[in-house]
Amino acid sequence: MSTTEIARLDAETAPVVARRVAEELALGDSARDRDRELPHDQVKAYAAAGLGALTVPLEFGGPALPAATVAEVFRLVSWGDPNVGQVPHSHFVFLNQLRLNGTREQQQRIYSEVRAGALVANAQSEFGTKHVRDIRTTLTPAREEGEWLLNGEKFYCTGSLFADYLAVLARRDVDGPLHVAWVRTESPGVEIIDDWDAVGQRTTGSGTVRLTDVVVPDEWITPFAITFDVPTTYGAFAQLLHAAIDAGIARRALDEASAFVCTKSRPYADAVAIAGAETAAQDPLVVQAFGEMELAVRSAEALLAEAGRRVDEADADLTESSAAEASLAVAAARASTATVSVDVTSRLLEVSGARSALATTNLDRHWRNARTHTLHDPAAWKVHHLGRWAVDGTRPPRHGQL
């Protein structure tokens, strides 16, 4: 897709393109999971379809699509393969960081490459620190004025194996404020290691990145700590996309469950004797279970759509109040999609019967993907924030969770 065609993507056409990409992804997602085949070609196809440039601002030649549309694209792509759906998560989060804190020159440079298909991956979390915001990676002055040396080791670096850039979260001058160093993946001193071995989301390329005396000029560094000094939807937007991934997993699991029940499952003996069911799909208890799952998935999808609208409303008129409303709406969507995705992917096997547990079906990948992705941060804290708001009007914290 040309940069001109990317700019023409809108709230109607982007989901259509995403649905087409998702259908292609769904043809091979099970085999890729089973064999741990990294989706290099699929990620390239995603970028070639223009889906990596959805939020590039109008002034830089992009379509500047709203959060609600980006979330729907994530939901659809994650229906096809949630691994590919998660790969660009940090891409969009840090492009948002660039929009908020980058200089015009920095924005022009990176947005132009994104329009041409470049992908950004994160290098923010670290293994073995006290908590997720305990960052030890540092930027220290280099010999040349205006240059810094980047040193540290990162884990959970989703998409790093497919990326052109790493957005590295680091402290300036060892104990200074957090900044983002934009580093090309082929830079000397960058080592990207394929050591991700989770039970689910197996092909997201979320392993280790080692950074050893990587030279970073001033013009490739943007401030991060100031993001939360003012009302912001930064955390809400990041969480919205996580919720969309979970919603896509849940819907795909439900679709695969219905296909399996209609084509492969046998009716339970009691369903035949008592209810006269000739097929598993006619078992009234199976039908009831599908009704409950459909209700849960529809509810989660509705909360996701509402959350996207609230983020867009807040971005249009950003205040403490509108940012809090967006965060609360996203908290509800995130708590719902996390619960529903795990529940539905588990019940998939329950309604489909013993045959669905065979390794050859690989239907358990949906549960493994949901369970792994929903561990990203505790949904219980989303419920807590909702509870505090309901009890005494306490607004959720600005920083959110990434």
Protein backbone atom coordinates (compact mmCIF):
# COMPACT_ATOMS: atom_id res chain seq x y z
CA MET A 1 0.00 0.00 0.00
CA SER A 2 1.39 3.40 -0.95
CA THR A 3 1.67 6.28 1.50
CA THR A 4 -1.13 8.02 -0.39
CA GLU A 5 -3.40 5.01 0.07
CA ILE A 6 -2.48 4.87 3.77
CA ALA A 7 -3.59 8.48 4.19
CA ARG A 8 -6.96 7.53 2.66
CA LEU A 9 -7.70 4.88 5.25
CA ASP A 10 -10.60 5.97 7.41
CA ALA A 11 -12.86 4.67 10.16
CA GLU A 12 -14.82 2.59 7.63
CA THR A 13 -12.06 1.22 5.40
CA ALA A 14 -9.47 0.40 8.07
CA PRO A 15 -11.64 -2.33 9.70
CA VAL A 16 -12.36 -3.77 6.25
CA VAL A 17 -8.64 -4.05 5.56
CA ALA A 18 -8.09 -5.49 9.05
CA ARG A 19 -10.79 -8.11 8.51
CA ARG A 20 -9.11 -9.22 5.28
CA VAL A 21 -5.74 -9.47 7.03
CA ALA A 22 -7.36 -11.38 9.91
CA GLU A 23 -8.90 -13.95 7.59
CA GLU A 24 -5.48 -14.61 6.06
CA LEU A 25 -3.92 -14.91 9.51
CA ALA A 26 -6.57 -17.38 10.65
CA LEU A 27 -5.59 -19.82 7.92
CA GLY A 28 -2.28 -20.59 9.61
CA ASP A 29 -2.38 -19.38 13.21
CA SER A 30 -2.78 -22.88 14.68
CA ALA A 31 0.22 -24.27 12.79
CA ARG A 32 2.37 -21.27 13.69
CA ASP A 33 1.50 -21.75 17.36
CA ARG A 34 2.13 -25.49 17.28
CA ASP A 35 5.49 -25.21 15.53
CA ARG A 36 6.43 -21.85 17.06
CA GLU A 37 6.88 -20.41 13.60
CA LEU A 38 7.52 -16.70 13.93
CA PRO A 39 5.12 -14.66 11.75
CA HIS A 40 7.67 -12.55 9.88
CA ASP A 41 5.71 -12.59 6.63
CA GLN A 42 2.42 -11.95 8.41
CA VAL A 43 3.79 -8.92 10.27
CA LYS A 44 5.15 -7.56 6.98
CA ALA A 45 1.72 -8.05 5.41
CA TYR A 46 0.15 -6.16 8.32
CA ALA A 47 2.47 -3.21 7.72
CA ALA A 48 2.08 -3.39 3.95
CA ALA A 49 -1.69 -3.10 4.37
CA GLY A 50 -1.14 0.27 6.03
CA LEU A 51 -2.31 -0.88 9.46
CA GLY A 52 0.85 0.30 11.21
CA ALA A 53 0.29 3.92 10.21
CA LEU A 54 -3.29 4.39 11.44
CA THR A 55 -2.43 7.02 14.05
CA VAL A 56 0.12 9.05 12.10
CA PRO A 57 -1.12 12.66 12.33
CA LEU A 58 -2.63 14.39 9.31
CA GLU A 59 0.18 16.95 9.17
CA PHE A 60 2.66 14.10 8.63
CA GLY A 61 0.64 12.42 5.89
CA GLY A 62 -1.26 9.90 8.00
CA PRO A 63 -4.97 9.25 8.53
CA ALA A 64 -4.92 10.13 12.27
CA LEU A 65 -7.63 7.58 13.00
CA PRO A 66 -9.40 7.65 16.37
CA ALA A 67 -8.69 5.26 19.23
CA ALA A 68 -12.02 3.48 18.74
CA THR A 69 -11.04 2.54 15.17
CA VAL A 70 -7.55 1.42 16.18
CA ALA A 71 -9.08 -0.77 18.89
CA GLU A 72 -11.46 -2.35 16.39
CA VAL A 73 -8.55 -3.07 14.06
CA PHE A 74 -6.71 -4.73 16.97
CA ARG A 75 -9.78 -6.80 17.84
CA LEU A 76 -10.17 -8.02 14.27
CA VAL A 77 -6.50 -8.83 13.72
CA SER A 78 -6.35 -10.61 17.08
CA TRP A 79 -9.31 -12.71 16.00
CA GLY A 80 -7.07 -13.97 13.20
CA ASP A 81 -3.95 -14.39 15.32
CA PRO A 82 -3.51 -12.65 18.69
CA ASN A 83 0.25 -13.01 18.38
CA VAL A 84 0.28 -10.78 15.31
CA GLY A 85 -2.36 -8.65 17.00
CA GLN A 86 -0.05 -8.00 19.96
CA VAL A 87 3.12 -7.36 17.99
CA PRO A 88 2.19 -3.74 17.09
CA HIS A 89 0.82 -2.89 20.54
CA SER A 90 3.96 -1.08 21.67
CA HIS A 91 4.33 0.36 18.17
CA PHE A 92 1.13 2.37 18.64
CA VAL A 93 1.77 3.16 22.30
CA PHE A 94 5.16 4.69 21.58
CA LEU A 95 3.95 6.48 18.46
CA ASN A 96 1.50 8.08 20.88
CA GLN A 97 4.44 8.92 23.13
CA LEU A 98 6.15 10.52 20.14
CA ARG A 99 3.02 12.56 19.39
CA LEU A 100 2.89 13.84 22.97
CA ASN A 101 6.57 14.50 23.68
CA GLY A 102 8.59 14.45 20.46
CA THR A 103 9.90 17.49 18.63
CA ARG A 104 8.54 18.23 15.18
CA GLU A 105 11.80 17.02 13.65
CA GLN A 106 11.63 13.75 15.58
CA GLN A 107 8.01 13.25 14.60
CA GLN A 108 8.71 13.95 10.93
CA ARG A 109 11.61 11.49 10.85
CA ILE A 110 9.87 8.56 12.54
CA TYR A 111 6.35 9.06 11.18
CA SER A 112 7.70 9.11 7.62
CA GLU A 113 9.37 5.74 8.17
CA VAL A 114 6.23 4.32 9.75
CA ARG A 115 4.22 5.40 6.71
CA ALA A 116 6.74 3.45 4.63
CA GLY A 117 6.18 0.33 6.76
CA ALA A 118 8.62 0.64 9.67
CA LEU A 119 7.66 -1.05 12.93
CA VAL A 120 8.48 0.07 16.47
CA ALA A 121 8.88 -2.42 19.33
CA ASN A 122 9.25 -1.78 23.03
CA ALA A 123 12.21 -2.33 25.29
CA GLN A 124 10.81 -1.11 28.58
CA SER A 125 10.26 -3.84 31.20
CA GLU A 126 13.17 -5.41 33.04
CA PHE A 127 13.54 -8.81 34.64
CA GLY A 128 14.25 -9.15 38.35
CA THR A 129 13.61 -5.55 39.45
CA LYS A 130 11.33 -4.66 42.38
CA HIS A 131 8.37 -3.64 40.21
CA VAL A 132 7.49 -2.80 36.62
CA ARG A 133 8.53 0.85 36.91
CA ASP A 134 11.88 0.06 38.52
CA ILE A 135 14.07 0.86 35.51
CA ARG A 136 17.83 0.27 35.68
CA THR A 137 18.73 0.87 32.03
CA THR A 138 20.71 4.10 31.70
CA LEU A 139 21.73 6.84 29.31
CA THR A 140 25.12 8.27 30.31
CA PRO A 141 27.18 10.94 28.51
CA ALA A 142 29.40 9.67 25.73
CA ARG A 143 32.75 11.16 24.71
CA GLU A 144 31.20 13.12 21.87
CA GLU A 145 29.07 16.07 22.93
CA GLY A 146 25.39 15.51 22.21
CA GLU A 147 25.69 11.73 22.37
CA TRP A 148 24.77 9.21 25.05
CA LEU A 149 25.66 5.61 25.81
CA LEU A 150 22.72 3.30 26.40
CA ASN A 151 23.27 0.26 28.63
CA GLY A 152 20.87 -2.27 30.11
CA GLU A 153 18.92 -5.46 29.59
CA LYS A 154 15.21 -5.64 28.82
CA PHE A 155 12.67 -8.45 28.83
CA TYR A 156 9.10 -8.83 27.48
CA CYS A 157 10.25 -6.89 24.41
CA THR A 158 7.19 -7.67 22.32
CA GLY A 159 7.74 -7.42 18.58
CA SER A 160 11.48 -6.84 18.86
CA LEU A 161 12.31 -9.68 16.46
CA PHE A 162 10.25 -7.99 13.74
CA ALA A 163 11.04 -4.34 14.46
CA ASP A 164 12.98 -1.59 12.75
CA TYR A 165 13.13 0.55 15.90
CA LEU A 166 13.26 -0.14 19.61
CA ALA A 167 11.67 2.39 21.96
CA VAL A 168 13.92 1.93 25.00
CA LEU A 169 12.85 3.23 28.38
CA ALA A 170 15.91 4.45 30.27
CA ARG A 171 17.01 6.80 33.03
CA ARG A 172 19.15 9.71 31.98
CA ASP A 173 22.33 10.15 34.03
CA VAL A 174 21.72 6.90 35.96
CA ASP A 175 19.18 8.21 38.49
CA GLY A 176 17.53 10.92 36.42
CA PRO A 177 14.05 11.06 34.89
CA LEU A 178 12.85 8.45 32.42
CA HIS A 179 13.37 9.05 28.71
CA VAL A 180 12.74 7.07 25.54
CA ALA A 181 15.74 6.28 23.37
CA TRP A 182 14.73 5.51 19.77
CA VAL A 183 17.25 2.94 18.59
CA ARG A 184 17.50 1.15 15.28
CA THR A 185 17.55 -2.59 15.79
CA GLU A 186 20.68 -2.99 13.64
CA SER A 187 22.67 -0.47 15.73
CA PRO A 188 26.02 -1.68 17.14
CA GLY A 189 25.60 -2.90 20.70
CA VAL A 190 21.98 -4.06 20.24
CA GLU A 191 21.41 -7.77 20.77
CA ILE A 192 17.89 -9.18 20.31
CA ILE A 193 17.50 -12.68 21.72
CA ASP A 194 14.74 -15.12 20.79
CA ASP A 195 14.24 -16.60 24.27
CA TRP A 196 10.50 -16.06 24.83
CA ASP A 197 9.09 -19.36 26.11
CA ALA A 198 5.62 -18.61 27.52
CA VAL A 199 2.84 -21.21 27.28
CA GLY A 200 0.77 -18.83 25.14
CA GLN A 201 1.36 -15.91 22.78
CA ARG A 202 4.33 -17.98 21.70
CA THR A 203 5.22 -16.09 18.53
CA THR A 204 5.11 -12.44 19.64
CA GLY A 205 8.90 -12.10 19.70
CA SER A 206 8.81 -10.96 23.33
CA GLY A 207 12.24 -12.02 24.48
CA THR A 208 15.35 -10.26 25.76
CA VAL A 209 17.12 -7.19 24.40
CA ARG A 210 20.66 -6.45 25.58
CA LEU A 211 22.05 -2.96 25.11
CA THR A 212 25.81 -2.47 25.42
CA ASP A 213 27.26 1.02 24.90
CA VAL A 214 24.72 1.81 22.19
CA VAL A 215 25.42 5.34 20.94
CA VAL A 216 22.27 7.49 20.95
CA PRO A 217 22.38 11.12 19.74
CA ASP A 218 20.29 13.78 21.50
CA GLU A 219 17.92 13.99 18.56
CA TRP A 220 16.86 10.36 19.10
CA ILE A 221 15.80 10.85 22.73
CA THR A 222 12.37 11.99 23.91
CA PRO A 223 11.23 12.69 27.49
CA PHE A 224 8.92 10.16 29.13
CA ALA A 225 8.48 11.21 32.76
CA ILE A 226 6.61 14.40 31.82
CA THR A 227 3.84 12.37 30.18
CA PHE A 228 1.89 12.15 33.42
CA ASP A 229 2.42 15.72 34.61
CA VAL A 230 -0.81 16.73 32.87
CA PRO A 231 -4.14 15.01 32.20
CA THR A 232 -3.53 12.28 29.64
CA THR A 233 -5.13 9.30 27.89
CA TYR A 234 -1.72 7.70 27.35
CA GLY A 235 -2.26 4.79 29.75
CA ALA A 236 -5.93 4.43 28.81
CA PHE A 237 -5.04 4.11 25.11
CA ALA A 238 -2.45 1.43 25.86
CA GLN A 239 -4.92 -0.52 27.97
CA LEU A 240 -7.65 -0.13 25.36
CA LEU A 241 -5.53 -2.00 22.84
CA HIS A 242 -4.84 -4.77 25.36
CA ALA A 243 -8.60 -5.13 25.87
CA ALA A 244 -9.09 -5.35 22.12
CA ILE A 245 -6.62 -8.25 21.90
CA ASP A 246 -8.53 -10.16 24.59
CA ALA A 247 -11.85 -9.47 22.88
CA GLY A 248 -10.49 -10.83 19.61
CA ILE A 249 -9.28 -13.99 21.32
CA ALA A 250 -12.69 -14.54 22.93
CA ARG A 251 -14.65 -14.10 19.70
CA ARG A 252 -12.36 -16.45 17.75
CA ALA A 253 -12.65 -19.10 20.47
CA LEU A 254 -16.42 -18.90 20.34
CA ASP A 255 -16.39 -19.16 16.55
CA GLU A 256 -14.12 -22.20 16.64
CA ALA A 257 -16.23 -23.81 19.37
CA SER A 258 -19.39 -23.53 17.26
CA ALA A 259 -17.62 -24.92 14.20
CA PHE A 260 -16.29 -27.87 16.19
CA VAL A 261 -19.63 -28.67 17.81
CA CYS A 262 -21.47 -28.52 14.50
CA THR A 263 -19.01 -30.69 12.60
CA LYS A 264 -17.13 -32.98 15.00
CA SER A 265 -18.72 -33.30 18.45
CA ARG A 266 -21.07 -36.18 19.28
CA PRO A 267 -24.18 -35.66 21.41
CA TYR A 268 -24.02 -36.80 25.01
CA ALA A 269 -26.07 -39.90 25.73
CA ASP A 270 -28.44 -38.08 28.11
CA ALA A 271 -29.09 -35.40 25.48
CA VAL A 272 -30.17 -38.15 23.11
CA ALA A 273 -32.30 -40.05 25.64
CA ILE A 274 -33.93 -37.12 27.42
CA ALA A 275 -33.94 -34.28 24.87
CA GLY A 276 -33.97 -36.30 21.65
CA ALA A 277 -30.88 -34.51 20.37
CA GLU A 278 -29.51 -36.02 17.18
CA THR A 279 -26.40 -33.84 17.15
CA ALA A 280 -24.27 -32.11 19.76
CA ALA A 281 -25.53 -28.78 18.44
CA GLN A 282 -29.06 -29.82 19.47
CA ASP A 283 -28.12 -30.58 23.07
CA PRO A 284 -30.08 -27.98 25.10
CA LEU A 285 -27.28 -27.68 27.66
CA VAL A 286 -24.76 -27.00 24.90
CA VAL A 287 -27.08 -24.39 23.38
CA GLN A 288 -27.49 -22.77 26.80
CA ALA A 289 -23.73 -22.64 27.26
CA PHE A 290 -23.30 -21.01 23.86
CA GLY A 291 -25.94 -18.46 24.77
CA GLU A 292 -24.09 -17.58 27.96
CA MET A 293 -20.79 -17.26 26.11
CA GLU A 294 -22.32 -15.15 23.34
CA LEU A 295 -23.81 -12.83 25.95
CA ALA A 296 -20.44 -12.48 27.69
CA VAL A 297 -18.52 -11.81 24.47
CA ARG A 298 -21.09 -9.29 23.22
CA SER A 299 -20.94 -7.48 26.55
CA ALA A 300 -17.15 -7.33 26.42
CA GLU A 301 -17.23 -6.05 22.83
CA ALA A 302 -19.75 -3.37 23.78
CA LEU A 303 -17.60 -2.20 26.70
CA LEU A 304 -14.59 -2.12 24.38
CA ALA A 305 -16.43 0.06 21.85
CA GLU A 306 -17.64 2.38 24.61
CA ALA A 307 -14.13 2.67 26.01
CA GLY A 308 -12.79 3.63 22.59
CA ARG A 309 -15.39 6.37 22.28
CA ARG A 310 -14.54 7.72 25.74
CA VAL A 311 -10.83 7.88 24.90
CA ASP A 312 -11.64 9.79 21.72
CA GLU A 313 -13.95 12.17 23.59
CA ALA A 314 -11.22 12.84 26.13
CA ASP A 315 -8.62 13.47 23.42
CA ALA A 316 -10.98 16.02 21.85
CA ASP A 317 -11.35 17.93 25.14
CA LEU A 318 -8.67 16.80 27.57
CA THR A 319 -9.31 17.65 31.22
CA GLU A 320 -8.82 15.85 34.51
CA SER A 321 -12.47 14.84 34.36
CA SER A 322 -12.53 13.62 30.76
CA ALA A 323 -9.25 11.73 31.21
CA ALA A 324 -10.65 10.02 34.31
CA GLU A 325 -13.85 9.08 32.50
CA ALA A 326 -11.77 7.53 29.71
CA SER A 327 -9.65 5.59 32.20
CA LEU A 328 -12.74 4.27 33.99
CA ALA A 329 -14.35 3.16 30.73
CA VAL A 330 -11.15 1.40 29.72
CA ALA A 331 -10.86 -0.19 33.16
CA ALA A 332 -14.34 -1.67 32.71
CA ALA A 333 -13.48 -2.95 29.24
CA ARG A 334 -10.16 -4.38 30.35
CA ALA A 335 -11.64 -6.17 33.36
CA SER A 336 -14.44 -7.58 31.23
CA THR A 337 -12.36 -8.73 28.26
CA ALA A 338 -9.73 -10.31 30.52
CA THR A 339 -12.36 -12.34 32.37
CA VAL A 340 -14.39 -13.25 29.32
CA SER A 341 -11.42 -14.30 27.19
CA VAL A 342 -10.17 -16.74 29.84
CA ASP A 343 -13.65 -18.08 30.60
CA VAL A 344 -14.75 -18.58 27.00
CA THR A 345 -11.48 -20.17 25.89
CA SER A 346 -11.85 -22.63 28.76
CA ARG A 347 -15.51 -23.37 28.05
CA LEU A 348 -14.62 -23.98 24.40
CA LEU A 349 -13.28 -27.38 25.47
CA GLU A 350 -16.21 -27.99 27.81
CA VAL A 351 -18.89 -27.56 25.14
CA SER A 352 -16.87 -29.28 22.41
CA GLY A 353 -16.28 -32.51 24.30
CA ALA A 354 -13.34 -34.80 24.94
CA ARG A 355 -12.25 -34.90 21.32
CA SER A 356 -11.48 -31.18 21.42
CA ALA A 357 -8.72 -31.83 23.98
CA LEU A 358 -6.66 -33.82 21.49
CA ALA A 359 -3.35 -32.15 20.74
CA THR A 360 -4.07 -32.37 17.02
CA THR A 361 -6.95 -29.89 17.33
CA ASN A 362 -4.73 -27.34 19.11
CA LEU A 363 -7.89 -25.65 20.40
CA ASP A 364 -6.17 -25.15 23.73
CA ARG A 365 -4.06 -22.43 22.09
CA HIS A 366 -6.93 -20.00 22.60
CA TRP A 367 -6.89 -20.54 26.37
CA ARG A 368 -3.08 -20.42 26.45
CA ASN A 369 -3.12 -17.15 24.51
CA ALA A 370 -5.82 -15.61 26.70
CA ARG A 371 -4.26 -16.76 29.95
CA THR A 372 -0.82 -15.49 28.96
CA HIS A 373 -1.94 -12.13 27.61
CA THR A 374 -4.28 -11.37 30.52
CA LEU A 375 -1.36 -11.77 32.93
CA HIS A 376 0.08 -8.54 31.53
CA ASP A 377 -1.32 -6.62 34.48
CA PRO A 378 -3.95 -7.56 37.07
CA ALA A 379 -7.55 -6.98 35.98
CA ALA A 380 -8.39 -6.87 39.69
CA TRP A 381 -6.79 -3.42 39.91
CA LYS A 382 -9.12 -2.21 37.17
CA VAL A 383 -12.06 -3.36 39.28
CA HIS A 384 -10.50 -1.68 42.31
CA HIS A 385 -10.30 1.66 40.49
CA LEU A 386 -13.94 1.29 39.45
CA GLY A 387 -14.87 0.52 43.03
CA ARG A 388 -13.04 3.53 44.42
CA TRP A 389 -14.82 5.73 41.89
CA ALA A 390 -18.20 4.25 42.75
CA VAL A 391 -17.66 4.57 46.51
CA ASP A 392 -16.15 8.01 46.92
CA GLY A 393 -15.38 9.47 43.48
CA THR A 394 -11.64 8.77 43.61
CA ARG A 395 -10.20 9.08 40.13
CA PRO A 396 -7.83 6.42 38.82
CA PRO A 397 -4.12 7.35 38.74
CA ARG A 398 -2.88 9.14 35.64
CA HIS A 399 -0.06 6.74 34.93
CA GLY A 400 -2.32 3.75 34.21
CA GLN A 401 -0.60 0.50 33.31
CA LEU A 402 1.27 -0.21 30.11
